[in-house]
Structures are given as structure tokens and as C-alpha cells.
Amino acid sequence: MIEKYFWDLNADALRETKRALKDTSHPQFARRMVTLLSRCDQPSELFSIITKKAFVDHWPRIRAYWVKHSRHSDSRDWWETLYERLSETAQNKEIRAKGEAPEFLRRLGGTIREERIAKGLSQKQLALRIGMRQPDISRIEEGKKNVTLFTLMRLCKVLGIKNIQLN
């Protein structure tokens, strides 16, 4: 498969490149990855050569090498975008796996809960007033549901919240 991307190498160099791509600690790993990524535009093909995890884990090192040896690269920018999406997905899965909500969502949910209780409203009553379901209100208060700006504005209006401190 990699022969397609390393057409300029002889048989010995190609064997060494295969070893380098399989071993992320290999001294030529970053260099060979830069060559591969600058010639490949198919994530499915890349991830048949290295794993997504290896790509995410080693992208900062690959990127640093790439920047050092080539100031501007559209393909580097493209792979950077893919890295960001993969790392966000991995972080979100990790948060869900741990059962933890992001801190700012927990603080937001806590503020909403405090104001709802101060107004003497049940979750069901609040849900009815803003056109949501009670389980969604519960998840918002726990910090486990991301809210749109529109939903946040409706919640603040009904609860009389003028300012929200998230930090």
C-alpha cells in the first residue's frame, strides 16, 4: 500500500520506510509521515497504514517536523483539521466514558438549578414554560447536555437570569 506514496524509493529504502511507519519511536517516523501525508488525501488509506490513535498521539511531533521543513502547506492544514476533529471526538468519548461533564457545563447547570429552585419551580414546570421535556432540564442541570444559545436565552428569560458566570 505505501509503495503508492513512496514511488521515489528503492526497495531497501521502502522496507526501512515500512519499519519507520510501524514504529513511532523510529528516528525517521516524523519525516516519513510528512512525506506520506503530503501525498495522501484519503484518511481511510492513512488509517490502514497507521492507527487513528497513533496519528492523534503523534500529530504534534509530525506537525512540528513539517513546519520546520516546510513553512506553508495546504495538505498540512487539511490534516491539522482532521487531527482537531479526531482529538475532539476522542476527548468527548473520554468524558462520556468517565461519566463526567465539562466543568463549564456543570457550572451552567448549577446556576440554572439554583435559579429554578429559588423561583420555586419543579423541573417539569420549567420544562413546560420553555417548551422542553423534563429529562432535558435534568440533564442540563447536571451539565450533561449541551444547550444551544437559543435554549439558554429561553432558560435565562424564564428564570430571570441576567448574567451567567462560567469561569
N, C-alpha and C. Protein backbone atom coordinates (compact mmCIF):
# COMPACT_ATOMS: atom_id res chain seq x y z
N MET A 1 0.83 -1.21 0.00
CA MET A 1 0.00 0.00 0.00
C MET A 1 0.87 1.26 0.00
N ILE A 2 1.94 1.29 0.80
CA ILE A 2 2.72 2.53 0.88
C ILE A 2 3.56 2.79 -0.37
N GLU A 3 3.75 1.75 -1.18
CA GLU A 3 4.51 1.93 -2.41
C GLU A 3 3.90 3.04 -3.26
N LYS A 4 2.59 3.16 -3.18
CA LYS A 4 1.85 4.16 -3.93
C LYS A 4 2.29 5.59 -3.57
N TYR A 5 2.70 5.78 -2.31
CA TYR A 5 3.08 7.11 -1.82
C TYR A 5 4.58 7.34 -1.79
N PHE A 6 5.35 6.27 -1.88
CA PHE A 6 6.81 6.38 -1.82
C PHE A 6 7.42 5.81 -3.10
N TRP A 7 6.92 6.30 -4.24
CA TRP A 7 7.34 5.82 -5.55
C TRP A 7 8.81 6.14 -5.84
N ASP A 8 9.37 7.09 -5.11
CA ASP A 8 10.73 7.55 -5.38
C ASP A 8 11.80 6.78 -4.60
N LEU A 9 11.40 5.74 -3.86
CA LEU A 9 12.35 4.99 -3.04
C LEU A 9 12.72 3.66 -3.67
N ASN A 10 13.98 3.24 -3.45
CA ASN A 10 14.38 1.90 -3.90
C ASN A 10 13.85 0.87 -2.91
N ALA A 11 14.03 -0.40 -3.18
CA ALA A 11 13.46 -1.47 -2.37
C ALA A 11 13.93 -1.43 -0.92
N ASP A 12 15.22 -1.17 -0.69
CA ASP A 12 15.75 -1.11 0.68
C ASP A 12 15.14 0.06 1.45
N ALA A 13 15.08 1.22 0.82
CA ALA A 13 14.51 2.40 1.48
C ALA A 13 13.02 2.21 1.75
N LEU A 14 12.35 1.51 0.87
CA LEU A 14 10.93 1.24 1.06
C LEU A 14 10.71 0.31 2.27
N ARG A 15 11.55 -0.70 2.41
CA ARG A 15 11.46 -1.59 3.58
C ARG A 15 11.71 -0.79 4.87
N GLU A 16 12.70 0.07 4.85
CA GLU A 16 13.01 0.88 6.03
C GLU A 16 11.86 1.85 6.34
N THR A 17 11.23 2.38 5.31
CA THR A 17 10.08 3.27 5.49
C THR A 17 8.92 2.52 6.13
N LYS A 18 8.67 1.31 5.71
CA LYS A 18 7.61 0.49 6.32
C LYS A 18 7.89 0.28 7.80
N ARG A 19 9.16 -0.01 8.14
CA ARG A 19 9.54 -0.17 9.56
C ARG A 19 9.33 1.13 10.32
N ALA A 20 9.72 2.24 9.71
CA ALA A 20 9.59 3.55 10.38
C ALA A 20 8.13 3.90 10.66
N LEU A 21 7.25 3.58 9.73
CA LEU A 21 5.84 3.91 9.91
C LEU A 21 5.16 3.00 10.93
N LYS A 22 5.72 1.82 11.15
CA LYS A 22 5.14 0.90 12.15
C LYS A 22 5.65 1.21 13.56
N ASP A 23 6.78 1.89 13.66
CA ASP A 23 7.41 2.17 14.95
C ASP A 23 7.48 3.68 15.16
N THR A 24 6.58 4.20 15.99
CA THR A 24 6.51 5.66 16.18
C THR A 24 7.75 6.23 16.86
N SER A 25 8.59 5.38 17.46
CA SER A 25 9.82 5.88 18.08
C SER A 25 11.00 5.85 17.10
N HIS A 26 10.76 5.35 15.90
CA HIS A 26 11.81 5.29 14.88
C HIS A 26 12.25 6.72 14.54
N PRO A 27 13.55 6.95 14.39
CA PRO A 27 14.04 8.31 14.12
C PRO A 27 13.50 8.92 12.81
N GLN A 28 13.09 8.08 11.87
CA GLN A 28 12.56 8.58 10.59
C GLN A 28 11.04 8.67 10.56
N PHE A 29 10.37 8.34 11.68
CA PHE A 29 8.90 8.30 11.69
C PHE A 29 8.29 9.63 11.24
N ALA A 30 8.66 10.73 11.86
CA ALA A 30 8.05 12.03 11.53
C ALA A 30 8.33 12.41 10.08
N ARG A 31 9.56 12.20 9.65
CA ARG A 31 9.92 12.55 8.27
C ARG A 31 9.10 11.76 7.27
N ARG A 32 9.00 10.46 7.48
CA ARG A 32 8.23 9.61 6.56
C ARG A 32 6.74 9.92 6.62
N MET A 33 6.24 10.27 7.80
CA MET A 33 4.83 10.64 7.91
C MET A 33 4.55 11.92 7.14
N VAL A 34 5.45 12.87 7.18
CA VAL A 34 5.26 14.11 6.43
C VAL A 34 5.18 13.81 4.93
N THR A 35 6.06 12.96 4.46
CA THR A 35 6.01 12.58 3.04
C THR A 35 4.68 11.91 2.71
N LEU A 36 4.29 10.97 3.55
CA LEU A 36 3.04 10.25 3.33
C LEU A 36 1.85 11.22 3.34
N LEU A 37 1.78 12.07 4.34
CA LEU A 37 0.63 12.98 4.47
C LEU A 37 0.60 14.03 3.36
N SER A 38 1.75 14.40 2.85
CA SER A 38 1.75 15.39 1.77
C SER A 38 1.33 14.77 0.43
N ARG A 39 1.36 13.44 0.36
CA ARG A 39 0.99 12.76 -0.89
C ARG A 39 -0.36 12.03 -0.80
N CYS A 40 -0.85 11.85 0.39
CA CYS A 40 -2.10 11.11 0.61
C CYS A 40 -3.21 12.08 0.99
N ASP A 41 -4.37 11.91 0.41
CA ASP A 41 -5.51 12.76 0.80
C ASP A 41 -6.72 11.91 1.19
N GLN A 42 -6.46 10.67 1.52
CA GLN A 42 -7.53 9.74 1.89
C GLN A 42 -7.31 9.24 3.32
N PRO A 43 -8.06 9.73 4.29
CA PRO A 43 -7.89 9.24 5.66
C PRO A 43 -8.01 7.73 5.77
N SER A 44 -8.91 7.12 5.00
CA SER A 44 -9.08 5.67 5.09
C SER A 44 -7.78 4.95 4.71
N GLU A 45 -7.06 5.48 3.72
CA GLU A 45 -5.79 4.87 3.34
C GLU A 45 -4.72 5.11 4.41
N LEU A 46 -4.69 6.32 4.96
CA LEU A 46 -3.74 6.60 6.02
C LEU A 46 -3.96 5.66 7.20
N PHE A 47 -5.24 5.50 7.59
CA PHE A 47 -5.54 4.70 8.77
C PHE A 47 -5.47 3.20 8.51
N SER A 48 -5.18 2.83 7.27
CA SER A 48 -4.85 1.42 7.02
C SER A 48 -3.34 1.21 7.20
N ILE A 49 -2.60 2.31 7.27
CA ILE A 49 -1.15 2.24 7.46
C ILE A 49 -0.79 2.46 8.94
N ILE A 50 -1.40 3.48 9.54
CA ILE A 50 -1.22 3.71 10.98
C ILE A 50 -2.61 3.87 11.61
N THR A 51 -2.70 3.67 12.90
CA THR A 51 -3.99 3.78 13.57
C THR A 51 -4.36 5.25 13.79
N LYS A 52 -5.65 5.49 13.99
CA LYS A 52 -6.11 6.84 14.31
C LYS A 52 -5.45 7.32 15.59
N LYS A 53 -5.36 6.42 16.57
CA LYS A 53 -4.76 6.79 17.85
C LYS A 53 -3.31 7.22 17.67
N ALA A 54 -2.55 6.47 16.87
CA ALA A 54 -1.15 6.83 16.61
C ALA A 54 -1.08 8.18 15.91
N PHE A 55 -1.97 8.42 14.97
CA PHE A 55 -2.00 9.71 14.28
C PHE A 55 -2.26 10.84 15.28
N VAL A 56 -3.29 10.69 16.12
CA VAL A 56 -3.65 11.73 17.09
C VAL A 56 -2.52 11.92 18.10
N ASP A 57 -1.98 10.82 18.61
CA ASP A 57 -0.93 10.91 19.62
C ASP A 57 0.35 11.56 19.10
N HIS A 58 0.68 11.32 17.83
CA HIS A 58 1.96 11.78 17.30
C HIS A 58 1.85 12.97 16.35
N TRP A 59 0.64 13.46 16.11
CA TRP A 59 0.49 14.61 15.22
C TRP A 59 1.31 15.81 15.67
N PRO A 60 1.33 16.18 16.95
CA PRO A 60 2.13 17.35 17.32
C PRO A 60 3.60 17.22 16.90
N ARG A 61 4.17 16.05 17.03
CA ARG A 61 5.56 15.82 16.62
C ARG A 61 5.69 15.87 15.10
N ILE A 62 4.74 15.26 14.41
CA ILE A 62 4.76 15.27 12.94
C ILE A 62 4.62 16.70 12.43
N ARG A 63 3.68 17.41 13.02
CA ARG A 63 3.43 18.80 12.61
C ARG A 63 4.66 19.67 12.84
N ALA A 64 5.29 19.51 14.00
CA ALA A 64 6.49 20.30 14.30
C ALA A 64 7.58 20.05 13.26
N TYR A 65 7.77 18.81 12.90
CA TYR A 65 8.76 18.48 11.87
C TYR A 65 8.37 19.13 10.54
N TRP A 66 7.09 19.04 10.21
CA TRP A 66 6.59 19.57 8.94
C TRP A 66 6.78 21.08 8.88
N VAL A 67 6.43 21.77 9.95
CA VAL A 67 6.57 23.23 10.00
C VAL A 67 8.04 23.63 9.85
N LYS A 68 8.90 22.87 10.51
CA LYS A 68 10.34 23.17 10.46
C LYS A 68 10.89 23.04 9.05
N HIS A 69 10.37 22.09 8.28
CA HIS A 69 10.92 21.82 6.96
C HIS A 69 10.11 22.39 5.80
N SER A 70 8.92 22.89 6.09
CA SER A 70 8.09 23.46 5.04
C SER A 70 7.13 24.45 5.68
N ARG A 71 7.40 25.72 5.53
CA ARG A 71 6.63 26.75 6.21
C ARG A 71 5.13 26.70 5.91
N HIS A 72 4.77 26.60 4.65
CA HIS A 72 3.35 26.61 4.27
C HIS A 72 3.00 25.33 3.54
N SER A 73 1.87 24.76 3.93
CA SER A 73 1.42 23.55 3.26
C SER A 73 -0.09 23.42 3.41
N ASP A 74 -0.79 23.41 2.29
CA ASP A 74 -2.24 23.23 2.33
C ASP A 74 -2.60 21.85 2.86
N SER A 75 -1.82 20.84 2.48
CA SER A 75 -2.14 19.49 2.96
C SER A 75 -1.91 19.39 4.46
N ARG A 76 -0.90 20.09 4.98
CA ARG A 76 -0.69 20.08 6.43
C ARG A 76 -1.89 20.70 7.13
N ASP A 77 -2.39 21.79 6.61
CA ASP A 77 -3.57 22.44 7.20
C ASP A 77 -4.77 21.49 7.17
N TRP A 78 -4.91 20.74 6.08
CA TRP A 78 -6.01 19.80 5.95
C TRP A 78 -5.91 18.71 7.01
N TRP A 79 -4.70 18.13 7.17
CA TRP A 79 -4.50 17.08 8.18
C TRP A 79 -4.64 17.64 9.59
N GLU A 80 -4.27 18.90 9.77
CA GLU A 80 -4.44 19.55 11.09
C GLU A 80 -5.93 19.60 11.46
N THR A 81 -6.76 19.92 10.49
CA THR A 81 -8.21 19.95 10.72
C THR A 81 -8.72 18.56 11.09
N LEU A 82 -8.25 17.55 10.39
CA LEU A 82 -8.65 16.19 10.70
C LEU A 82 -8.19 15.81 12.11
N TYR A 83 -6.97 16.17 12.46
CA TYR A 83 -6.45 15.90 13.80
C TYR A 83 -7.34 16.55 14.86
N GLU A 84 -7.71 17.81 14.65
CA GLU A 84 -8.55 18.51 15.62
C GLU A 84 -9.89 17.80 15.79
N ARG A 85 -10.48 17.38 14.70
CA ARG A 85 -11.76 16.67 14.79
C ARG A 85 -11.61 15.33 15.52
N LEU A 86 -10.56 14.60 15.20
CA LEU A 86 -10.34 13.31 15.85
C LEU A 86 -10.04 13.48 17.33
N SER A 87 -9.25 14.49 17.68
CA SER A 87 -8.91 14.67 19.09
C SER A 87 -10.12 15.17 19.87
N GLU A 88 -10.98 16.01 19.27
CA GLU A 88 -12.22 16.44 19.94
C GLU A 88 -13.12 15.24 20.18
N THR A 89 -13.24 14.39 19.17
CA THR A 89 -14.06 13.19 19.30
C THR A 89 -13.52 12.30 20.41
N ALA A 90 -12.21 12.14 20.45
CA ALA A 90 -11.60 11.30 21.49
C ALA A 90 -11.84 11.90 22.87
N GLN A 91 -11.71 13.22 22.99
CA GLN A 91 -11.95 13.87 24.29
C GLN A 91 -13.40 13.72 24.71
N ASN A 92 -14.32 13.90 23.78
CA ASN A 92 -15.74 13.75 24.11
C ASN A 92 -16.06 12.32 24.53
N LYS A 93 -15.48 11.32 23.84
CA LYS A 93 -15.70 9.93 24.23
C LYS A 93 -15.12 9.66 25.60
N GLU A 94 -13.96 10.25 25.88
CA GLU A 94 -13.33 10.06 27.18
C GLU A 94 -14.19 10.66 28.28
N ILE A 95 -14.74 11.84 28.04
CA ILE A 95 -15.62 12.48 29.02
C ILE A 95 -16.85 11.61 29.25
N ARG A 96 -17.47 11.15 28.16
CA ARG A 96 -18.65 10.30 28.30
C ARG A 96 -18.30 8.99 29.00
N ALA A 97 -17.14 8.43 28.68
CA ALA A 97 -16.75 7.16 29.28
C ALA A 97 -16.56 7.32 30.79
N LYS A 98 -16.03 8.43 31.20
CA LYS A 98 -15.82 8.68 32.62
C LYS A 98 -17.11 9.11 33.30
N GLY A 99 -18.12 9.47 32.51
CA GLY A 99 -19.37 9.95 33.07
C GLY A 99 -19.27 11.37 33.61
N GLU A 100 -18.25 12.08 33.18
CA GLU A 100 -18.05 13.44 33.66
C GLU A 100 -18.50 14.44 32.60
N ALA A 101 -19.08 15.51 33.07
CA ALA A 101 -19.46 16.59 32.17
C ALA A 101 -18.37 17.66 32.22
N PRO A 102 -18.19 18.42 31.15
CA PRO A 102 -17.22 19.51 31.19
C PRO A 102 -17.57 20.49 32.32
N GLU A 103 -16.55 21.04 32.93
CA GLU A 103 -16.73 21.91 34.10
C GLU A 103 -17.66 23.09 33.81
N PHE A 104 -17.51 23.75 32.67
CA PHE A 104 -18.35 24.92 32.41
C PHE A 104 -19.82 24.53 32.27
N LEU A 105 -20.10 23.33 31.74
CA LEU A 105 -21.50 22.89 31.64
C LEU A 105 -22.06 22.56 33.02
N ARG A 106 -21.22 22.02 33.91
CA ARG A 106 -21.68 21.76 35.28
C ARG A 106 -21.99 23.07 36.00
N ARG A 107 -21.14 24.08 35.81
CA ARG A 107 -21.39 25.39 36.46
C ARG A 107 -22.67 26.02 35.90
N LEU A 108 -22.84 25.96 34.58
CA LEU A 108 -24.04 26.49 33.96
C LEU A 108 -25.27 25.77 34.49
N GLY A 109 -25.22 24.44 34.54
CA GLY A 109 -26.33 23.66 35.06
C GLY A 109 -26.63 23.98 36.51
N GLY A 110 -25.58 24.19 37.30
CA GLY A 110 -25.77 24.54 38.72
C GLY A 110 -26.46 25.88 38.87
N THR A 111 -26.09 26.84 38.05
CA THR A 111 -26.73 28.17 38.09
C THR A 111 -28.21 28.05 37.74
N ILE A 112 -28.51 27.28 36.72
CA ILE A 112 -29.90 27.10 36.30
C ILE A 112 -30.69 26.40 37.42
N ARG A 113 -30.12 25.38 38.03
CA ARG A 113 -30.79 24.67 39.12
C ARG A 113 -31.07 25.62 40.30
N GLU A 114 -30.06 26.40 40.69
CA GLU A 114 -30.24 27.34 41.81
C GLU A 114 -31.36 28.32 41.53
N GLU A 115 -31.38 28.89 40.35
CA GLU A 115 -32.42 29.87 40.00
C GLU A 115 -33.80 29.22 39.91
N ARG A 116 -33.85 28.01 39.39
CA ARG A 116 -35.14 27.30 39.31
C ARG A 116 -35.69 27.05 40.71
N ILE A 117 -34.84 26.59 41.60
CA ILE A 117 -35.28 26.32 42.98
C ILE A 117 -35.67 27.62 43.68
N ALA A 118 -34.88 28.68 43.47
CA ALA A 118 -35.19 29.98 44.07
C ALA A 118 -36.56 30.50 43.61
N LYS A 119 -36.95 30.18 42.39
CA LYS A 119 -38.25 30.60 41.85
C LYS A 119 -39.36 29.64 42.26
N GLY A 120 -39.00 28.55 42.94
CA GLY A 120 -40.00 27.59 43.40
C GLY A 120 -40.58 26.74 42.28
N LEU A 121 -39.80 26.51 41.23
CA LEU A 121 -40.28 25.72 40.10
C LEU A 121 -39.71 24.31 40.15
N SER A 122 -40.51 23.35 39.74
CA SER A 122 -40.01 21.99 39.56
C SER A 122 -39.38 21.93 38.16
N GLN A 123 -38.62 20.88 37.92
CA GLN A 123 -38.05 20.72 36.58
C GLN A 123 -39.16 20.60 35.55
N LYS A 124 -40.22 19.91 35.90
CA LYS A 124 -41.35 19.73 34.98
C LYS A 124 -41.99 21.08 34.64
N GLN A 125 -42.20 21.92 35.67
CA GLN A 125 -42.80 23.24 35.43
C GLN A 125 -41.91 24.10 34.53
N LEU A 126 -40.62 24.08 34.80
CA LEU A 126 -39.69 24.85 33.96
C LEU A 126 -39.70 24.33 32.53
N ALA A 127 -39.70 23.02 32.39
CA ALA A 127 -39.72 22.42 31.05
C ALA A 127 -40.96 22.86 30.28
N LEU A 128 -42.12 22.86 30.93
CA LEU A 128 -43.36 23.27 30.28
C LEU A 128 -43.31 24.73 29.85
N ARG A 129 -42.72 25.58 30.69
CA ARG A 129 -42.66 27.02 30.38
C ARG A 129 -41.78 27.33 29.18
N ILE A 130 -40.75 26.54 28.97
CA ILE A 130 -39.86 26.86 27.84
C ILE A 130 -40.00 25.88 26.68
N GLY A 131 -40.93 24.94 26.79
CA GLY A 131 -41.18 24.02 25.68
C GLY A 131 -40.16 22.92 25.54
N MET A 132 -39.72 22.39 26.67
CA MET A 132 -38.77 21.27 26.65
C MET A 132 -39.36 20.11 27.43
N ARG A 133 -38.62 19.02 27.46
CA ARG A 133 -39.03 17.88 28.28
C ARG A 133 -38.27 17.92 29.60
N GLN A 134 -38.87 17.40 30.64
CA GLN A 134 -38.25 17.41 31.97
C GLN A 134 -36.90 16.70 31.99
N PRO A 135 -36.75 15.54 31.33
CA PRO A 135 -35.44 14.89 31.35
C PRO A 135 -34.32 15.76 30.76
N ASP A 136 -34.68 16.61 29.78
CA ASP A 136 -33.67 17.51 29.21
C ASP A 136 -33.24 18.56 30.23
N ILE A 137 -34.19 19.06 31.00
CA ILE A 137 -33.86 20.03 32.06
C ILE A 137 -32.93 19.36 33.07
N SER A 138 -33.24 18.14 33.44
CA SER A 138 -32.40 17.40 34.39
C SER A 138 -30.97 17.27 33.86
N ARG A 139 -30.84 16.89 32.60
CA ARG A 139 -29.50 16.72 32.00
C ARG A 139 -28.77 18.05 31.90
N ILE A 140 -29.49 19.13 31.63
CA ILE A 140 -28.85 20.46 31.59
C ILE A 140 -28.33 20.81 32.97
N GLU A 141 -29.14 20.60 34.00
CA GLU A 141 -28.73 20.93 35.36
C GLU A 141 -27.55 20.09 35.83
N GLU A 142 -27.44 18.86 35.33
CA GLU A 142 -26.31 18.00 35.67
C GLU A 142 -25.06 18.35 34.86
N GLY A 143 -25.22 19.20 33.85
CA GLY A 143 -24.10 19.55 32.98
C GLY A 143 -23.83 18.50 31.93
N LYS A 144 -24.78 17.61 31.71
CA LYS A 144 -24.59 16.52 30.77
C LYS A 144 -25.23 16.77 29.42
N LYS A 145 -25.88 17.91 29.26
CA LYS A 145 -26.50 18.24 27.97
C LYS A 145 -26.00 19.60 27.53
N ASN A 146 -25.46 19.64 26.34
CA ASN A 146 -25.04 20.89 25.77
C ASN A 146 -26.29 21.66 25.34
N VAL A 147 -26.32 22.94 25.55
CA VAL A 147 -27.50 23.73 25.18
C VAL A 147 -27.16 24.71 24.07
N THR A 148 -28.15 24.96 23.24
CA THR A 148 -27.96 25.98 22.21
C THR A 148 -28.09 27.35 22.85
N LEU A 149 -27.63 28.34 22.16
CA LEU A 149 -27.75 29.71 22.66
C LEU A 149 -29.22 30.09 22.80
N PHE A 150 -30.04 29.64 21.86
CA PHE A 150 -31.47 29.93 21.91
C PHE A 150 -32.11 29.33 23.16
N THR A 151 -31.78 28.07 23.48
CA THR A 151 -32.32 27.42 24.68
C THR A 151 -31.83 28.14 25.93
N LEU A 152 -30.56 28.50 25.94
CA LEU A 152 -30.01 29.21 27.09
C LEU A 152 -30.73 30.55 27.29
N MET A 153 -31.02 31.25 26.22
CA MET A 153 -31.73 32.52 26.33
C MET A 153 -33.14 32.31 26.88
N ARG A 154 -33.83 31.26 26.43
CA ARG A 154 -35.17 30.97 26.95
C ARG A 154 -35.12 30.65 28.44
N LEU A 155 -34.15 29.84 28.84
CA LEU A 155 -33.99 29.50 30.26
C LEU A 155 -33.74 30.76 31.10
N CYS A 156 -32.82 31.59 30.63
CA CYS A 156 -32.49 32.82 31.37
C CYS A 156 -33.69 33.75 31.47
N LYS A 157 -34.46 33.86 30.43
CA LYS A 157 -35.63 34.74 30.44
C LYS A 157 -36.66 34.25 31.46
N VAL A 158 -36.98 32.96 31.43
CA VAL A 158 -37.97 32.40 32.36
C VAL A 158 -37.48 32.47 33.80
N LEU A 159 -36.18 32.26 34.01
CA LEU A 159 -35.64 32.24 35.37
C LEU A 159 -35.16 33.61 35.84
N GLY A 160 -35.18 34.59 34.97
CA GLY A 160 -34.77 35.95 35.35
C GLY A 160 -33.27 36.07 35.55
N ILE A 161 -32.51 35.26 34.85
CA ILE A 161 -31.04 35.31 34.96
C ILE A 161 -30.53 36.40 34.02
N LYS A 162 -29.83 37.38 34.59
CA LYS A 162 -29.31 38.49 33.78
C LYS A 162 -27.86 38.24 33.33
N ASN A 163 -27.08 37.62 34.19
CA ASN A 163 -25.67 37.33 33.90
C ASN A 163 -25.34 35.91 34.35
N ILE A 164 -24.50 35.26 33.57
CA ILE A 164 -24.03 33.91 33.93
C ILE A 164 -22.51 33.96 33.97
N GLN A 165 -21.95 33.54 35.08
CA GLN A 165 -20.51 33.48 35.26
C GLN A 165 -20.04 32.07 35.02
N LEU A 166 -19.22 31.83 34.00
CA LEU A 166 -18.79 30.47 33.67
C LEU A 166 -17.35 30.19 34.09
N ASN A 167 -16.61 31.19 34.52
CA ASN A 167 -15.22 30.91 34.91
C ASN A 167 -15.02 31.03 36.40
